[in-house]
Protein backbone atom coordinates (compact mmCIF):
# COMPACT_ATOMS: atom_id res chain seq x y z
CA UNK A 1 -25.49 50.67 3.21
CA UNK A 2 -28.90 52.16 2.56
CA UNK A 3 -27.51 54.35 -0.21
CA UNK A 4 -25.45 51.74 -2.03
CA UNK A 5 -27.50 48.68 -1.09
CA UNK A 6 -29.40 48.63 -4.42
CA UNK A 7 -26.11 48.76 -6.33
CA UNK A 8 -24.69 45.88 -4.29
CA UNK A 9 -27.85 43.80 -4.80
CA UNK A 10 -27.91 44.30 -8.57
CA UNK A 11 -24.13 43.93 -8.98
CA UNK A 12 -24.06 40.65 -7.04
CA UNK A 13 -26.81 39.32 -9.27
CA UNK A 14 -24.92 40.40 -12.40
CA UNK A 15 -21.76 38.78 -11.11
CA UNK A 16 -23.55 35.48 -10.54
CA UNK A 17 -25.29 35.24 -13.88
CA UNK A 18 -22.41 36.53 -16.01
CA UNK A 19 -19.70 34.46 -14.33
CA UNK A 20 -21.77 31.38 -15.12
CA UNK A 21 -21.12 31.96 -18.83
CA UNK A 22 -17.37 31.43 -18.33
CA UNK A 23 -16.91 29.50 -15.09
CA UNK A 24 -18.13 26.29 -16.72
CA UNK A 25 -15.55 26.31 -19.53
CA UNK A 26 -12.61 24.83 -17.61
CA UNK A 27 -14.90 22.29 -15.91
CA UNK A 28 -16.07 20.73 -19.20
CA UNK A 29 -13.48 17.93 -19.36
CA UNK A 30 -14.27 16.77 -15.81
CA UNK A 31 -18.02 17.02 -16.43
CA UNK A 32 -17.52 14.88 -19.53
CA UNK A 33 -15.48 12.26 -17.68
CA UNK A 34 -17.87 12.01 -14.72
CA UNK A 35 -20.99 11.72 -16.85
CA UNK A 36 -19.64 9.98 -19.93
CA UNK A 37 -20.78 13.00 -21.93
CA UNK A 38 -20.12 13.47 -25.63
CA UNK A 39 -18.78 16.79 -26.84
CA UNK A 40 -22.26 17.58 -28.18
CA UNK A 41 -23.56 17.17 -24.62
CA UNK A 42 -20.91 19.54 -23.35
CA UNK A 43 -21.84 22.08 -26.02
CA UNK A 44 -25.41 22.02 -24.71
CA UNK A 45 -24.16 22.64 -21.16
CA UNK A 46 -22.93 26.01 -22.47
CA UNK A 47 -25.49 26.73 -25.17
CA UNK A 48 -28.58 25.82 -23.13
CA UNK A 49 -27.77 28.72 -20.82
CA UNK A 50 -26.86 31.17 -23.60
CA UNK A 51 -29.95 30.36 -25.69
CA UNK A 52 -32.35 30.82 -22.78
CA UNK A 53 -30.76 34.20 -22.05
CA UNK A 54 -31.00 35.25 -25.69
CA UNK A 55 -34.55 34.05 -26.24
CA UNK A 56 -36.12 35.59 -23.16
CA UNK A 57 -34.32 38.90 -22.59
CA UNK A 58 -36.78 41.07 -24.51
CA UNK A 59 -39.86 39.27 -23.24
CA UNK A 60 -38.64 39.46 -19.64
CA UNK A 61 -38.09 43.20 -19.98
CA UNK A 62 -41.61 43.75 -21.30
CA UNK A 63 -43.10 41.60 -18.53
CA UNK A 64 -41.14 43.54 -15.91
CA UNK A 65 -42.56 46.83 -17.19
CA UNK A 66 -46.05 45.48 -16.54
CA UNK A 67 -45.81 43.50 -13.29
CA UNK A 68 -42.86 45.27 -11.66
CA UNK A 69 -39.12 45.20 -12.23
CA UNK A 70 -38.20 44.31 -8.65
CA UNK A 71 -40.68 41.46 -8.68
CA UNK A 72 -39.30 40.01 -11.91
CA UNK A 73 -35.73 40.42 -10.66
CA UNK A 74 -36.51 38.56 -7.42
CA UNK A 75 -38.34 35.75 -9.21
CA UNK A 76 -35.44 35.43 -11.65
CA UNK A 77 -32.95 35.35 -8.77
CA UNK A 78 -34.86 32.60 -6.96
CA UNK A 79 -35.15 30.55 -10.16
CA UNK A 80 -31.46 31.03 -10.99
CA UNK A 81 -30.39 29.94 -7.49
CA UNK A 82 -32.71 26.94 -7.44
CA UNK A 83 -31.51 25.89 -10.90
CA UNK A 84 -27.91 26.19 -9.67
CA UNK A 85 -28.74 23.68 -6.92
CA UNK A 86 -30.22 21.36 -9.53
CA UNK A 87 -27.07 21.73 -11.65
CA UNK A 88 -24.91 20.84 -8.67
CA UNK A 89 -26.96 17.74 -7.87
CA UNK A 90 -27.58 16.65 -11.48
CA UNK A 91 -27.23 12.85 -11.80
CA UNK A 92 -26.48 13.01 -15.53
CA UNK A 93 -25.94 15.22 -18.53
CA UNK A 94 -29.61 15.54 -19.51
CA UNK A 95 -30.56 16.88 -16.09
CA UNK A 96 -27.58 19.23 -16.11
CA UNK A 97 -28.52 20.67 -19.50
CA UNK A 98 -32.15 21.14 -18.40
CA UNK A 99 -31.00 22.90 -15.23
CA UNK A 100 -28.72 25.14 -17.26
CA UNK A 101 -31.70 26.18 -19.37
CA UNK A 102 -33.60 27.06 -16.18
CA UNK A 103 -30.57 29.06 -15.04
CA UNK A 104 -30.77 30.97 -18.31
CA UNK A 105 -34.47 31.72 -17.76
CA UNK A 106 -33.72 33.16 -14.33
CA UNK A 107 -30.67 35.00 -15.64
CA UNK A 108 -32.73 36.62 -18.41
CA UNK A 109 -35.16 38.03 -15.83
CA UNK A 110 -32.27 39.44 -13.80
CA UNK A 111 -30.33 40.81 -16.77
CA UNK A 112 -33.38 42.42 -18.36
CA UNK A 113 -34.20 44.46 -15.24
CA UNK A 114 -30.75 45.41 -13.95
CA UNK A 115 -30.32 48.81 -15.62
CA UNK A 116 -33.92 49.82 -14.90
CA UNK A 117 -33.51 49.06 -11.20
CA UNK A 118 -30.29 51.07 -11.00
CA UNK A 119 -31.80 53.91 -13.02
CA UNK A 120 -34.71 54.10 -10.57
CA UNK A 121 -32.45 53.93 -7.48
CA UNK A 122 -29.94 56.63 -8.45
CA UNK A 123 -29.91 60.05 -10.03
CA UNK A 124 -27.28 62.45 -11.34
CA UNK A 125 -23.67 61.73 -10.38
CA UNK A 126 -24.65 58.73 -8.26
CA UNK A 127 -26.27 57.13 -11.30
CA UNK A 128 -23.04 57.45 -13.27
CA UNK A 129 -21.09 55.89 -10.40
CA UNK A 130 -23.61 53.06 -10.10
CA UNK A 131 -23.49 52.20 -13.80
CA UNK A 132 -19.68 52.38 -13.76
CA UNK A 133 -19.39 50.00 -10.81
CA UNK A 134 -21.98 47.65 -12.27
CA UNK A 135 -20.12 47.60 -15.60
CA UNK A 136 -16.81 46.93 -13.85
CA UNK A 137 -18.34 44.03 -11.93
CA UNK A 138 -19.71 42.63 -15.19
CA UNK A 139 -16.27 42.80 -16.76
CA UNK A 140 -14.55 41.31 -13.72
CA UNK A 141 -16.91 38.33 -13.77
CA UNK A 142 -15.63 37.33 -17.21
CA UNK A 143 -12.02 37.64 -16.04
CA UNK A 144 -12.54 35.66 -12.84
CA UNK A 145 -14.74 32.94 -14.34
CA UNK A 146 -12.04 30.61 -15.71
CA UNK A 147 -9.81 31.08 -12.65
CA UNK A 148 -12.56 30.49 -10.10
CA UNK A 149 -13.90 27.61 -12.18
CA UNK A 150 -10.47 26.02 -12.24
CA UNK A 151 -9.96 26.38 -8.48
CA UNK A 152 -13.33 24.89 -7.61
CA UNK A 153 -13.14 22.11 -10.19
CA UNK A 154 -9.65 20.98 -9.25
CA UNK A 155 -9.90 21.24 -5.46
CA UNK A 156 -13.60 20.59 -4.78
CA UNK A 157 -15.18 19.17 -7.92
CA UNK A 158 -17.15 20.47 -10.89
CA UNK A 159 -20.42 20.53 -8.96
CA UNK A 160 -19.01 23.28 -6.75
CA UNK A 161 -19.04 25.78 -9.64
CA UNK A 162 -22.84 25.68 -9.42
CA UNK A 163 -23.32 25.13 -5.69
CA UNK A 164 -21.29 28.27 -4.91
CA UNK A 165 -24.29 30.22 -6.23
CA UNK A 166 -26.42 29.11 -3.27
CA UNK A 167 -24.87 31.30 -0.54
CA UNK A 168 -24.32 34.10 -3.05
CA UNK A 169 -27.95 33.86 -4.15
CA UNK A 170 -29.22 33.89 -0.58
CA UNK A 171 -27.26 37.05 0.26
CA UNK A 172 -28.36 38.73 -2.97
CA UNK A 173 -32.00 37.82 -2.36
CA UNK A 174 -31.87 39.28 1.16
CA UNK A 175 -30.32 42.53 -0.06
CA UNK A 176 -32.58 42.85 -3.08
CA UNK A 177 -35.71 42.28 -1.03
CA UNK A 178 -34.73 44.99 1.47
CA UNK A 179 -32.91 47.53 -0.67
CA UNK A 180 -34.62 47.62 -4.06
CA UNK A 181 -37.85 49.50 -4.62
CA UNK A 182 -40.54 48.58 -7.08
CA UNK A 183 -40.84 50.41 -10.39
CA UNK A 184 -42.87 49.98 -13.56
CA UNK A 185 -42.70 50.90 -17.22
CA UNK A 186 -45.71 51.03 -19.52
CA UNK A 187 -48.16 48.94 -17.53
CA UNK A 188 -50.69 48.83 -20.37
CA UNK A 189 -48.15 47.18 -22.70
CA UNK A 190 -48.40 43.56 -23.83
CA UNK A 191 -45.84 40.78 -23.83
CA UNK A 192 -45.21 39.50 -27.35
CA UNK A 193 -45.63 35.80 -26.51
CA UNK A 194 -46.03 34.56 -30.13
CA UNK A 195 -42.93 36.48 -31.20
CA UNK A 196 -40.89 35.18 -28.27
CA UNK A 197 -42.03 31.60 -28.97
CA UNK A 198 -41.13 31.82 -32.68
CA UNK A 199 -37.75 33.36 -31.89
CA UNK A 200 -36.98 30.64 -29.32
CA UNK A 201 -37.83 27.86 -31.78
CA UNK A 202 -35.77 29.48 -34.55
CA UNK A 203 -32.66 29.93 -32.40
CA UNK A 204 -32.97 26.59 -30.62
CA UNK A 205 -33.55 24.57 -33.79
CA UNK A 206 -30.65 26.24 -35.59
CA UNK A 207 -28.31 25.50 -32.70
CA UNK A 208 -29.57 21.92 -32.47
CA UNK A 209 -28.93 21.43 -36.19
CA UNK A 210 -25.34 22.65 -35.88
CA UNK A 211 -24.54 20.57 -32.80
CA UNK A 212 -26.17 17.46 -34.24
CA UNK A 213 -24.28 17.94 -37.51
CA UNK A 214 -21.06 17.90 -35.49
CA UNK A 215 -21.89 14.44 -34.16
CA UNK A 216 -23.83 12.84 -37.05
CA UNK A 217 -22.73 14.72 -40.16
CA UNK A 218 -24.73 16.83 -42.59
CA UNK A 219 -26.36 13.81 -44.21
CA UNK A 220 -28.37 13.11 -41.05
CA UNK A 221 -32.13 13.61 -41.49
CA UNK A 222 -32.49 15.08 -38.02
CA UNK A 223 -30.10 17.86 -38.95
CA UNK A 224 -32.16 18.92 -41.95
CA UNK A 225 -35.42 18.58 -40.04
CA UNK A 226 -34.05 21.03 -37.50
CA UNK A 227 -32.86 23.37 -40.28
CA UNK A 228 -36.36 23.31 -41.80
CA UNK A 229 -37.96 23.96 -38.40
CA UNK A 230 -35.65 26.91 -37.80
CA UNK A 231 -36.41 28.40 -41.24
CA UNK A 232 -40.16 28.07 -40.71
CA UNK A 233 -39.85 29.66 -37.27
CA UNK A 234 -37.92 32.60 -38.75
CA UNK A 235 -40.72 33.14 -41.27
CA UNK A 236 -43.30 32.90 -38.51
CA UNK A 237 -41.35 35.40 -36.39
CA UNK A 238 -41.23 37.91 -39.24
CA UNK A 239 -44.97 37.54 -39.89
CA UNK A 240 -45.85 37.88 -36.22
CA UNK A 241 -43.61 40.89 -35.65
CA UNK A 242 -44.82 42.70 -38.77
CA UNK A 243 -48.45 42.37 -37.65
CA UNK A 244 -48.07 42.90 -33.90
CA UNK A 245 -49.12 46.17 -32.32
CA UNK A 246 -46.38 45.71 -29.70
CA UNK A 247 -43.62 43.66 -31.38
CA UNK A 248 -40.68 42.21 -29.51
CA UNK A 249 -38.50 43.59 -32.29
CA UNK A 250 -39.74 46.26 -34.71
CA UNK A 251 -38.52 44.87 -38.03
CA UNK A 252 -38.47 48.36 -39.51
CA UNK A 253 -35.39 49.03 -37.41
CA UNK A 254 -33.47 46.58 -39.57
CA UNK A 255 -33.72 49.06 -42.44
CA UNK A 256 -31.49 51.33 -40.34
CA UNK A 257 -28.02 50.32 -41.52
CA UNK A 258 -26.34 51.57 -38.35
CA UNK A 259 -28.69 49.55 -36.14
CA UNK A 260 -28.22 46.43 -38.26
CA UNK A 261 -24.46 46.91 -38.35
CA UNK A 262 -24.24 47.04 -34.57
CA UNK A 263 -26.39 43.90 -34.22
CA UNK A 264 -24.09 42.08 -36.66
CA UNK A 265 -21.07 43.41 -34.78
CA UNK A 266 -22.38 42.25 -31.40
CA UNK A 267 -23.20 38.78 -32.69
CA UNK A 268 -19.87 38.38 -34.49
CA UNK A 269 -17.92 39.65 -31.48
CA UNK A 270 -19.14 36.85 -29.21
CA UNK A 271 -18.82 34.29 -32.02
CA UNK A 272 -15.25 35.20 -32.92
CA UNK A 273 -13.83 35.96 -29.48
CA UNK A 274 -15.39 33.15 -27.46
CA UNK A 275 -16.78 30.47 -29.77
CA UNK A 276 -13.47 28.55 -29.73
CA UNK A 277 -12.65 28.86 -26.00
CA UNK A 278 -14.26 25.55 -24.94
CA UNK A 279 -12.04 23.71 -27.41
CA UNK A 280 -9.05 25.64 -26.09
CA UNK A 281 -9.84 24.48 -22.55
CA UNK A 282 -10.17 20.87 -23.68
CA UNK A 283 -6.82 21.13 -25.54
CA UNK A 284 -5.07 22.47 -22.45
CA UNK A 285 -6.45 19.78 -20.15
CA UNK A 286 -7.05 16.76 -22.36
CA UNK A 287 -4.05 17.01 -24.69
CA UNK A 288 -1.43 18.97 -22.71
CA UNK A 289 -2.49 17.43 -19.35
CA UNK A 290 -2.69 20.71 -17.46
CA UNK A 291 -4.99 20.94 -14.45
CA UNK A 292 -8.19 22.94 -14.35
CA UNK A 293 -6.59 25.77 -12.34
CA UNK A 294 -3.71 26.01 -14.79
CA UNK A 295 -6.10 25.99 -17.74
CA UNK A 296 -8.12 28.83 -16.21
CA UNK A 297 -5.00 30.91 -15.64
CA UNK A 298 -3.72 30.18 -19.14
CA UNK A 299 -6.95 31.43 -20.71
CA UNK A 300 -7.31 34.44 -18.41
CA UNK A 301 -5.10 36.92 -20.36
CA UNK A 302 -7.99 37.52 -22.77
CA UNK A 303 -10.43 38.59 -20.07
CA UNK A 304 -7.84 40.47 -17.98
CA UNK A 305 -6.64 42.55 -20.93
CA UNK A 306 -10.25 43.17 -21.98
CA UNK A 307 -11.07 44.45 -18.50
CA UNK A 308 -8.10 46.84 -18.43
CA UNK A 309 -8.66 48.13 -21.97
CA UNK A 310 -12.38 48.69 -21.38
CA UNK A 311 -11.59 50.78 -18.29
CA UNK A 312 -9.11 52.93 -20.23
CA UNK A 313 -10.99 53.24 -23.50
CA UNK A 314 -14.02 54.89 -21.90
CA UNK A 315 -11.85 57.88 -20.99
CA UNK A 316 -9.39 57.97 -23.86
CA UNK A 317 -11.88 57.39 -26.71
CA UNK A 318 -14.78 59.54 -25.52
CA UNK A 319 -16.48 61.16 -28.53
CA UNK A 320 -14.89 58.83 -31.10
CA UNK A 321 -17.44 57.35 -33.51
CA UNK A 322 -18.56 53.83 -32.49
CA UNK A 323 -17.99 52.65 -36.05
CA UNK A 324 -14.26 52.94 -35.38
CA UNK A 325 -14.35 51.67 -31.80
CA UNK A 326 -16.56 48.63 -32.47
CA UNK A 327 -15.23 48.00 -35.97
CA UNK A 328 -11.65 48.40 -34.79
CA UNK A 329 -12.31 46.11 -31.84
CA UNK A 330 -13.60 43.43 -34.19
CA UNK A 331 -10.52 43.77 -36.39
CA UNK A 332 -8.32 43.27 -33.32
CA UNK A 333 -10.42 40.23 -32.35
CA UNK A 334 -10.15 38.77 -35.82
CA UNK A 335 -6.39 39.28 -35.94
CA UNK A 336 -5.92 37.93 -32.42
CA UNK A 337 -7.94 34.78 -32.99
CA UNK A 338 -6.11 34.13 -36.25
CA UNK A 339 -2.86 34.25 -34.26
CA UNK A 340 -4.16 31.25 -32.32
CA UNK A 341 -3.81 29.17 -35.50
CA UNK A 342 -0.08 29.03 -34.67
CA UNK A 343 -0.92 26.05 -32.44
CA UNK A 344 0.41 22.75 -33.79
CA UNK A 345 1.03 19.25 -32.46
CA UNK A 346 4.23 20.32 -30.68
CA UNK A 347 2.90 23.56 -29.14
CA UNK A 348 2.66 24.36 -25.46
CA UNK A 349 0.15 26.74 -23.89
CA UNK A 350 2.40 29.73 -24.54
CA UNK A 351 1.41 29.51 -28.20
CA UNK A 352 -1.96 30.95 -27.14
CA UNK A 353 -0.62 34.03 -25.36
CA UNK A 354 -0.10 36.46 -28.30
CA UNK A 355 -3.55 35.70 -29.70
CA UNK A 356 -5.22 36.00 -26.31
CA UNK A 357 -3.62 39.40 -25.67
CA UNK A 358 -4.62 40.85 -29.05
CA UNK A 359 -8.14 39.40 -28.78
CA UNK A 360 -8.47 40.91 -25.30
CA UNK A 361 -7.65 44.35 -26.70
CA UNK A 362 -10.44 43.95 -29.25
CA UNK A 363 -13.00 42.81 -26.71
CA UNK A 364 -12.05 45.65 -24.36
CA UNK A 365 -12.50 48.18 -27.15
CA UNK A 366 -15.69 46.92 -28.74
CA UNK A 367 -17.84 45.26 -26.10
CA UNK A 368 -18.43 48.24 -23.76
CA UNK A 369 -19.46 50.46 -26.69
CA UNK A 370 -22.21 48.24 -28.10
CA UNK A 371 -25.07 49.22 -25.79
CA UNK A 372 -24.43 52.96 -25.95
CA UNK A 373 -23.88 52.85 -29.71
CA UNK A 374 -27.12 51.05 -30.47
CA UNK A 375 -29.07 53.60 -28.40
CA UNK A 376 -27.68 56.32 -30.67
CA UNK A 377 -29.26 54.70 -33.73
CA UNK A 378 -32.92 54.69 -32.64
CA UNK A 379 -35.50 57.12 -31.21
CA UNK A 380 -35.56 57.28 -27.38
CA UNK A 381 -38.92 55.48 -27.29
CA UNK A 382 -37.29 52.39 -28.81
CA UNK A 383 -34.14 52.46 -26.68
CA UNK A 384 -35.19 49.48 -24.55
CA UNK A 385 -36.02 47.38 -27.58
CA UNK A 386 -32.72 48.29 -29.29
CA UNK A 387 -30.65 47.57 -26.19
CA UNK A 388 -32.39 44.26 -25.66
CA UNK A 389 -31.84 43.31 -29.29
CA UNK A 390 -28.07 43.87 -29.19
CA UNK A 391 -27.70 41.80 -26.02
CA UNK A 392 -29.88 39.08 -27.53
CA UNK A 393 -27.71 38.92 -30.63
CA UNK A 394 -24.58 38.78 -28.50
CA UNK A 395 -25.85 35.71 -26.67
CA UNK A 396 -26.83 34.14 -29.99
CA UNK A 397 -23.33 34.79 -31.29
CA UNK A 398 -21.85 32.85 -28.37
CA UNK A 399 -24.30 29.96 -28.82
CA UNK A 400 -23.74 29.72 -32.57
CA UNK A 401 -19.98 30.09 -32.14
CA UNK A 402 -19.80 27.10 -29.79
CA UNK A 403 -21.95 25.04 -32.17
CA UNK A 404 -20.12 25.98 -35.38
CA UNK A 405 -16.63 25.46 -33.97
CA UNK A 406 -17.70 22.01 -32.79
CA UNK A 407 -18.67 21.07 -36.35
CA UNK A 408 -15.45 22.47 -37.80
CA UNK A 409 -13.30 20.77 -35.20
CA UNK A 410 -14.88 17.35 -35.67
CA UNK A 411 -14.72 17.45 -39.46
CA UNK A 412 -11.04 18.42 -39.52
CA UNK A 413 -9.98 16.11 -36.70
CA UNK A 414 -11.87 13.18 -38.23
CA UNK A 415 -10.17 13.77 -41.57
CA UNK A 416 -6.74 13.79 -39.89
CA UNK A 417 -7.47 10.64 -37.89
CA UNK A 418 -8.74 8.89 -41.00
CA UNK A 419 -5.47 9.74 -42.71
CA UNK A 420 -3.59 8.27 -39.73
CA UNK A 421 -5.28 4.93 -40.36
CA UNK A 422 -7.51 4.73 -37.27
CA UNK A 423 -10.36 2.25 -37.68
CA UNK A 424 -13.09 4.52 -36.33
CA UNK A 425 -12.01 8.12 -36.93
CA UNK A 426 -15.47 9.55 -36.20
CA UNK A 427 -15.59 8.00 -32.73
CA UNK A 428 -11.98 9.01 -32.13
CA UNK A 429 -12.73 12.62 -33.11
CA UNK A 430 -15.64 12.68 -30.66
CA UNK A 431 -13.38 11.30 -27.92
CA UNK A 432 -10.82 13.98 -28.73
CA UNK A 433 -13.40 16.73 -28.44
CA UNK A 434 -14.24 15.38 -25.00
CA UNK A 435 -10.60 15.52 -23.95
CA UNK A 436 -9.71 11.83 -24.37
CA UNK A 437 -6.69 10.94 -26.51
CA UNK A 438 -6.00 7.60 -28.14
CA UNK A 439 -3.84 5.16 -26.10
CA UNK A 440 -0.25 4.35 -26.97
CA UNK A 441 2.54 6.54 -28.30
CA UNK A 442 1.32 6.37 -31.90
CA UNK A 443 -2.27 7.01 -30.88
CA UNK A 444 -1.30 9.99 -28.74
CA UNK A 445 0.79 11.50 -31.53
CA UNK A 446 -2.12 11.11 -33.95
CA UNK A 447 -4.48 12.62 -31.37
CA UNK A 448 -2.26 15.64 -30.75
CA UNK A 449 -1.91 16.32 -34.45
CA UNK A 450 -5.64 15.89 -35.10
CA UNK A 451 -6.64 18.14 -32.19
CA UNK A 452 -4.25 20.87 -33.28
CA UNK A 453 -5.62 20.70 -36.83
CA UNK A 454 -9.22 20.80 -35.61
CA UNK A 455 -8.51 23.73 -33.31
CA UNK A 456 -6.75 25.50 -36.18
CA UNK A 457 -9.83 25.10 -38.40
CA UNK A 458 -12.10 26.47 -35.66
CA UNK A 459 -10.00 29.55 -34.82
CA UNK A 460 -9.38 30.33 -38.49
CA UNK A 461 -13.11 30.62 -39.17
CA UNK A 462 -13.65 32.60 -35.95
CA UNK A 463 -10.87 34.99 -36.94
CA UNK A 464 -12.25 35.49 -40.43
CA UNK A 465 -15.71 36.18 -38.99
CA UNK A 466 -14.20 38.85 -36.74
CA UNK A 467 -12.34 40.54 -39.60
CA UNK A 468 -15.37 40.48 -41.92
CA UNK A 469 -17.65 41.86 -39.23
CA UNK A 470 -15.18 44.62 -38.43
CA UNK A 471 -15.21 45.77 -42.04
CA UNK A 472 -19.03 45.60 -42.16
CA UNK A 473 -19.40 47.69 -39.02
CA UNK A 474 -17.06 50.36 -40.37
CA UNK A 475 -19.01 50.45 -43.65
CA UNK A 476 -22.54 50.33 -42.18
CA UNK A 477 -22.50 52.27 -38.92
CA UNK A 478 -22.91 56.00 -39.36
CA UNK A 479 -23.65 57.27 -35.84
CA UNK A 480 -20.99 59.43 -34.28
CA UNK A 481 -20.24 61.61 -31.31
CA UNK A 482 -21.10 61.42 -27.62
CA UNK A 483 -24.75 60.61 -28.23
CA UNK A 484 -23.75 57.30 -29.68
CA UNK A 485 -21.20 56.39 -27.09
CA UNK A 486 -23.13 57.11 -23.89
CA UNK A 487 -26.57 55.75 -22.96
CA UNK A 488 -29.30 58.38 -23.02
CA UNK A 489 -31.26 59.32 -19.95
CA UNK A 490 -34.40 58.35 -21.86
CA UNK A 491 -33.17 54.81 -22.14
CA UNK A 492 -33.80 54.32 -18.45
CA UNK A 493 -37.54 54.63 -19.06
CA UNK A 494 -37.75 51.17 -20.55
CA UNK A 495 -34.36 49.46 -20.38
CA UNK A 496 -34.40 45.74 -21.10
CA UNK A 497 -30.73 45.12 -21.49
CA UNK A 498 -27.49 44.92 -19.63
CA UNK A 499 -23.99 45.18 -21.01
CA UNK A 500 -22.09 41.92 -20.87
């Protein structure tokens, strides 16, 4: 226990924070019904968590270098567990979204320090075993999330998906406090607070604009105010980072085409593979009337195949250039998600299976290679920054994917409902997105057709994004060989990232 206690403590934490990105998906319809939530509200339940993770990963890693990685991990764990309690007790959607943001803050602190803590605890062969187990746990969390979420939602209630973190958090906190040892990075470094603030505003405002556009249309003044705020924040971020002595992200790295290609690939991978999944869960439960457990099982082929392929690809593709592994993975994702467009008004859940299987192959190929590949594009001194950047862009890809697919779905579904002669197609499209179909035989038929069309629009764009990103990665990324596919020892000096 003394030897492997640090691994257990860090792996349990990773399991908690990563499963919370998927466990909530099958609970969305019940959350919406209990709280009277709009689909925009449900998008924020997912995106509040993802945005907090994305915005704070790099800053949390820098802070941990200064004040201590174990200390930041423990504080993040306490905050994550406390926020989970608040999620479980939330009286309404606004409180739930706020608690999810707090969960993301705690999760960022845990995720940013995980590799550093393992790197300090283990050496040589044991380090390789520790990273392998930790990576497997991270992959398993994605596979188990929809299934566990379905079981808890259907048999206990949606609040249980958050309250289950309390005993898990208590055990993890006990183990982490006893088993982990303190370590530091460059203690004279500074946290780039202005850069982190500008980045947070830019990402948050852009996501807000997309989600609001889904509910109010692009003519809404609030949408364009948010777009303007995001653009100004991007400019401010670039100015701050170009003048900072210790930037959160060295903008000169973006001139490296391989580095930029991998960032684009990581962002597009999450967007294409997972941006549509919330709508898929709503379709299974709200339109096809399957239970939460069934919906979780029906969506699980993607994660299960990804887990198996990732375990095999590490051995079979060792030494292959990441441009082919990541680019090829994105092409599989794009093709798989496009297969999901086979869904129509008369489809059952089996229409999803071919697309889920092919998408899972792509995720299993590409996702595990991102962190190692990005480390091969930069000097060892910037490995932590590069690793943090790719994980940040992955979380942004998920957040933007959820927001964009919501806009696409509503526009297409509203157009179909308008053509069916419904008096208030906009309100009906919003009800559809929340899993509520129109009453009566004619209303249900119109709802099924509109939902299928909206889902088709969403997955088509996601698939095209995956294909385009795959081509870009193959064209841009030039790193090759083992150095690009395995993390360097030097990366442990200042790691601020974990593979997801």
